[in-house]
Amino acid sequence: MGKRKSRAKPPPKKRMDKLDTVFSCPFCNHGTSVECRIDMKNLIGEAVCRICQESFSMTVNALSEPIDVYSEWIDECERVNTLDEDAAKDED
């Protein structure tokens, strides 16, 4: 007579590490001075620097995280800087 096959337990689920909600400011370069908050009721994400009071707001969706708000702020800063450089080259 054969043995009954035992059921193997499924492997434990991996825990997702928490993403940061505090970042460095692109204007004053202070580390951990920008705090990102998401208001899911109004679908607004906001990043505010506690040192220089710079802020950025954007619309968010259900999948947005604070890192997304900060990344969008950095992208917007780079886009504005390239526009300023292009305008300065046109004046010369």
N, C-alpha and C. Protein backbone atom coordinates (compact mmCIF):
# COMPACT_ATOMS: atom_id res chain seq x y z
N MET A 1 0.85 -1.18 0.00
CA MET A 1 0.00 0.00 0.00
C MET A 1 0.89 1.23 0.00
N GLY A 2 0.46 2.27 -0.73
CA GLY A 2 1.25 3.49 -0.84
C GLY A 2 0.87 4.54 0.18
N LYS A 3 1.78 5.46 0.39
CA LYS A 3 1.51 6.57 1.32
C LYS A 3 0.66 7.62 0.62
N ARG A 4 -0.07 8.34 1.40
CA ARG A 4 -0.82 9.48 0.86
C ARG A 4 0.14 10.63 0.62
N LYS A 5 -0.10 11.33 -0.45
CA LYS A 5 0.75 12.48 -0.75
C LYS A 5 0.33 13.65 0.13
N SER A 6 1.30 14.26 0.77
CA SER A 6 0.98 15.41 1.61
C SER A 6 0.94 16.66 0.74
N ARG A 7 0.09 17.56 1.09
CA ARG A 7 -0.02 18.82 0.35
C ARG A 7 1.09 19.75 0.80
N ALA A 8 1.79 20.30 -0.16
CA ALA A 8 2.84 21.27 0.16
C ALA A 8 2.19 22.61 0.46
N LYS A 9 2.67 23.26 1.49
CA LYS A 9 2.13 24.57 1.82
C LYS A 9 2.63 25.58 0.80
N PRO A 10 1.77 26.53 0.42
CA PRO A 10 2.23 27.55 -0.52
C PRO A 10 3.30 28.43 0.13
N PRO A 11 4.23 28.95 -0.68
CA PRO A 11 5.27 29.80 -0.10
C PRO A 11 4.65 31.08 0.47
N PRO A 12 5.25 31.63 1.52
CA PRO A 12 4.69 32.85 2.11
C PRO A 12 4.79 34.02 1.13
N LYS A 13 3.80 34.89 1.20
CA LYS A 13 3.78 36.05 0.31
C LYS A 13 4.87 37.04 0.74
N LYS A 14 5.51 37.63 -0.27
CA LYS A 14 6.54 38.63 0.02
C LYS A 14 5.87 39.94 0.39
N ARG A 15 6.38 40.57 1.42
CA ARG A 15 5.85 41.85 1.84
C ARG A 15 6.45 42.95 0.99
N MET A 16 5.63 43.86 0.54
CA MET A 16 6.10 45.00 -0.23
C MET A 16 6.68 46.01 0.74
N ASP A 17 7.88 46.51 0.42
CA ASP A 17 8.47 47.55 1.23
C ASP A 17 7.71 48.85 1.02
N LYS A 18 7.60 49.62 2.08
CA LYS A 18 6.92 50.91 2.00
C LYS A 18 7.76 51.87 1.17
N LEU A 19 7.12 52.62 0.29
CA LEU A 19 7.81 53.63 -0.50
C LEU A 19 7.95 54.90 0.32
N ASP A 20 8.96 55.69 -0.01
CA ASP A 20 9.21 56.93 0.71
C ASP A 20 8.09 57.94 0.46
N THR A 21 7.84 58.79 1.45
CA THR A 21 6.91 59.91 1.29
C THR A 21 7.63 61.23 1.52
N VAL A 22 8.91 61.18 1.89
CA VAL A 22 9.70 62.39 2.15
C VAL A 22 10.93 62.35 1.25
N PHE A 23 11.20 63.50 0.57
CA PHE A 23 12.25 63.55 -0.43
C PHE A 23 13.08 64.82 -0.28
N SER A 24 14.12 64.97 -1.12
CA SER A 24 14.93 66.19 -1.09
C SER A 24 14.35 67.22 -2.05
N CYS A 25 14.50 68.48 -1.71
CA CYS A 25 13.92 69.57 -2.50
C CYS A 25 14.80 69.89 -3.70
N PRO A 26 14.20 70.03 -4.89
CA PRO A 26 15.00 70.39 -6.07
C PRO A 26 15.44 71.86 -6.08
N PHE A 27 14.85 72.69 -5.24
CA PHE A 27 15.17 74.11 -5.23
C PHE A 27 16.21 74.46 -4.16
N CYS A 28 16.00 73.98 -2.93
CA CYS A 28 16.92 74.34 -1.85
C CYS A 28 17.87 73.20 -1.48
N ASN A 29 17.73 72.04 -2.07
CA ASN A 29 18.59 70.87 -1.88
C ASN A 29 18.68 70.37 -0.44
N HIS A 30 17.68 70.65 0.37
CA HIS A 30 17.64 70.08 1.71
C HIS A 30 17.11 68.65 1.61
N GLY A 31 17.81 67.71 2.23
CA GLY A 31 17.35 66.33 2.25
C GLY A 31 16.16 66.16 3.16
N THR A 32 15.25 65.36 2.80
CA THR A 32 14.04 65.03 3.55
C THR A 32 13.22 66.25 3.95
N SER A 33 13.14 67.23 3.08
CA SER A 33 12.35 68.42 3.40
C SER A 33 11.05 68.49 2.61
N VAL A 34 10.92 67.69 1.57
CA VAL A 34 9.70 67.69 0.76
C VAL A 34 8.80 66.55 1.22
N GLU A 35 7.59 66.91 1.58
CA GLU A 35 6.61 65.92 2.00
C GLU A 35 5.51 65.84 0.95
N CYS A 36 5.20 64.64 0.52
CA CYS A 36 4.17 64.42 -0.48
C CYS A 36 2.92 63.85 0.18
N ARG A 37 1.81 64.46 -0.13
CA ARG A 37 0.52 64.00 0.39
C ARG A 37 -0.44 63.79 -0.76
N ILE A 38 -1.29 62.79 -0.63
CA ILE A 38 -2.29 62.51 -1.66
C ILE A 38 -3.67 62.57 -1.01
N ASP A 39 -4.53 63.40 -1.59
CA ASP A 39 -5.91 63.52 -1.14
C ASP A 39 -6.77 62.74 -2.13
N MET A 40 -7.12 61.51 -1.76
CA MET A 40 -7.89 60.66 -2.68
C MET A 40 -9.34 61.12 -2.82
N LYS A 41 -9.82 61.88 -1.85
CA LYS A 41 -11.20 62.37 -1.93
C LYS A 41 -11.34 63.38 -3.07
N ASN A 42 -10.34 64.28 -3.19
CA ASN A 42 -10.36 65.30 -4.24
C ASN A 42 -9.46 64.96 -5.42
N LEU A 43 -8.76 63.81 -5.35
CA LEU A 43 -7.84 63.34 -6.40
C LEU A 43 -6.74 64.36 -6.70
N ILE A 44 -6.12 64.88 -5.62
CA ILE A 44 -5.04 65.85 -5.75
C ILE A 44 -3.83 65.34 -4.99
N GLY A 45 -2.68 65.38 -5.65
CA GLY A 45 -1.42 65.06 -5.00
C GLY A 45 -0.62 66.33 -4.84
N GLU A 46 -0.01 66.52 -3.68
CA GLU A 46 0.71 67.76 -3.41
C GLU A 46 2.07 67.45 -2.78
N ALA A 47 3.10 68.14 -3.28
CA ALA A 47 4.44 68.05 -2.71
C ALA A 47 4.83 69.44 -2.23
N VAL A 48 5.23 69.55 -0.95
CA VAL A 48 5.55 70.84 -0.34
C VAL A 48 6.88 70.74 0.38
N CYS A 49 7.76 71.73 0.15
CA CYS A 49 9.02 71.80 0.88
C CYS A 49 8.80 72.59 2.16
N ARG A 50 9.26 72.05 3.28
CA ARG A 50 9.10 72.73 4.57
C ARG A 50 10.09 73.87 4.75
N ILE A 51 11.19 73.87 4.00
CA ILE A 51 12.23 74.87 4.16
C ILE A 51 11.94 76.11 3.31
N CYS A 52 11.82 75.91 1.99
CA CYS A 52 11.66 77.06 1.08
C CYS A 52 10.21 77.29 0.65
N GLN A 53 9.27 76.50 1.13
CA GLN A 53 7.84 76.65 0.89
C GLN A 53 7.44 76.48 -0.58
N GLU A 54 8.31 75.89 -1.41
CA GLU A 54 7.93 75.59 -2.79
C GLU A 54 6.91 74.45 -2.77
N SER A 55 5.98 74.48 -3.72
CA SER A 55 4.98 73.42 -3.75
C SER A 55 4.63 73.05 -5.19
N PHE A 56 4.05 71.88 -5.33
CA PHE A 56 3.63 71.37 -6.63
C PHE A 56 2.37 70.54 -6.40
N SER A 57 1.37 70.73 -7.27
CA SER A 57 0.13 69.96 -7.18
C SER A 57 -0.17 69.34 -8.52
N MET A 58 -0.80 68.19 -8.47
CA MET A 58 -1.19 67.51 -9.71
C MET A 58 -2.40 66.63 -9.42
N THR A 59 -3.10 66.26 -10.48
CA THR A 59 -4.21 65.34 -10.33
C THR A 59 -3.65 63.92 -10.27
N VAL A 60 -4.27 63.09 -9.45
CA VAL A 60 -3.82 61.72 -9.27
C VAL A 60 -4.97 60.77 -9.57
N ASN A 61 -4.63 59.49 -9.67
CA ASN A 61 -5.66 58.46 -9.82
C ASN A 61 -5.52 57.47 -8.67
N ALA A 62 -6.26 56.39 -8.73
CA ALA A 62 -6.29 55.44 -7.62
C ALA A 62 -4.96 54.72 -7.43
N LEU A 63 -4.13 54.65 -8.47
CA LEU A 63 -2.87 53.93 -8.39
C LEU A 63 -1.68 54.82 -8.04
N SER A 64 -1.88 56.11 -7.91
CA SER A 64 -0.78 57.04 -7.66
C SER A 64 -0.23 56.89 -6.25
N GLU A 65 1.09 57.09 -6.14
CA GLU A 65 1.80 57.03 -4.87
C GLU A 65 2.54 58.35 -4.68
N PRO A 66 3.02 58.66 -3.47
CA PRO A 66 3.77 59.91 -3.26
C PRO A 66 5.01 60.03 -4.14
N ILE A 67 5.67 58.93 -4.45
CA ILE A 67 6.84 58.98 -5.32
C ILE A 67 6.45 59.45 -6.72
N ASP A 68 5.24 59.15 -7.15
CA ASP A 68 4.77 59.59 -8.46
C ASP A 68 4.60 61.11 -8.49
N VAL A 69 4.10 61.68 -7.41
CA VAL A 69 3.93 63.14 -7.33
C VAL A 69 5.29 63.82 -7.38
N TYR A 70 6.24 63.30 -6.60
CA TYR A 70 7.59 63.89 -6.58
C TYR A 70 8.27 63.75 -7.94
N SER A 71 8.16 62.60 -8.57
CA SER A 71 8.77 62.38 -9.88
C SER A 71 8.18 63.31 -10.93
N GLU A 72 6.90 63.52 -10.87
CA GLU A 72 6.25 64.44 -11.82
C GLU A 72 6.74 65.87 -11.59
N TRP A 73 6.97 66.26 -10.34
CA TRP A 73 7.50 67.58 -10.01
C TRP A 73 8.89 67.75 -10.59
N ILE A 74 9.75 66.74 -10.42
CA ILE A 74 11.10 66.80 -10.98
C ILE A 74 11.06 66.88 -12.50
N ASP A 75 10.18 66.11 -13.13
CA ASP A 75 10.05 66.15 -14.59
C ASP A 75 9.59 67.52 -15.06
N GLU A 76 8.67 68.12 -14.33
CA GLU A 76 8.17 69.45 -14.70
C GLU A 76 9.26 70.50 -14.56
N CYS A 77 10.08 70.40 -13.51
CA CYS A 77 11.20 71.33 -13.33
C CYS A 77 12.18 71.21 -14.50
N GLU A 78 12.50 69.99 -14.90
CA GLU A 78 13.42 69.79 -16.03
C GLU A 78 12.83 70.33 -17.33
N ARG A 79 11.52 70.13 -17.52
CA ARG A 79 10.87 70.62 -18.74
C ARG A 79 10.92 72.15 -18.80
N VAL A 80 10.66 72.81 -17.68
CA VAL A 80 10.70 74.27 -17.64
C VAL A 80 12.13 74.77 -17.86
N ASN A 81 13.12 74.10 -17.29
CA ASN A 81 14.50 74.52 -17.47
C ASN A 81 14.95 74.39 -18.92
N THR A 82 14.53 73.35 -19.61
CA THR A 82 14.91 73.20 -21.02
C THR A 82 14.21 74.25 -21.87
N LEU A 83 12.98 74.62 -21.52
CA LEU A 83 12.29 75.69 -22.25
C LEU A 83 13.00 77.02 -22.07
N ASP A 84 13.46 77.30 -20.85
CA ASP A 84 14.19 78.54 -20.57
C ASP A 84 15.51 78.58 -21.33
N GLU A 85 16.20 77.45 -21.39
CA GLU A 85 17.47 77.39 -22.13
C GLU A 85 17.24 77.60 -23.63
N ASP A 86 16.17 77.03 -24.16
CA ASP A 86 15.86 77.19 -25.58
C ASP A 86 15.51 78.64 -25.89
N ALA A 87 14.77 79.30 -24.99
CA ALA A 87 14.42 80.71 -25.19
C ALA A 87 15.67 81.61 -25.14
N ALA A 88 16.60 81.28 -24.26
CA ALA A 88 17.83 82.06 -24.14
C ALA A 88 18.69 81.90 -25.39
N LYS A 89 18.71 80.72 -25.99
CA LYS A 89 19.47 80.49 -27.21
C LYS A 89 18.85 81.24 -28.39
N ASP A 90 17.52 81.33 -28.40
CA ASP A 90 16.85 82.05 -29.50
C ASP A 90 17.13 83.55 -29.45
N GLU A 91 17.34 84.11 -28.25
CA GLU A 91 17.59 85.53 -28.11
C GLU A 91 19.00 85.89 -28.59
N ASP A 92 19.94 84.98 -28.53
CA ASP A 92 21.32 85.25 -28.94
C ASP A 92 21.47 85.30 -30.42
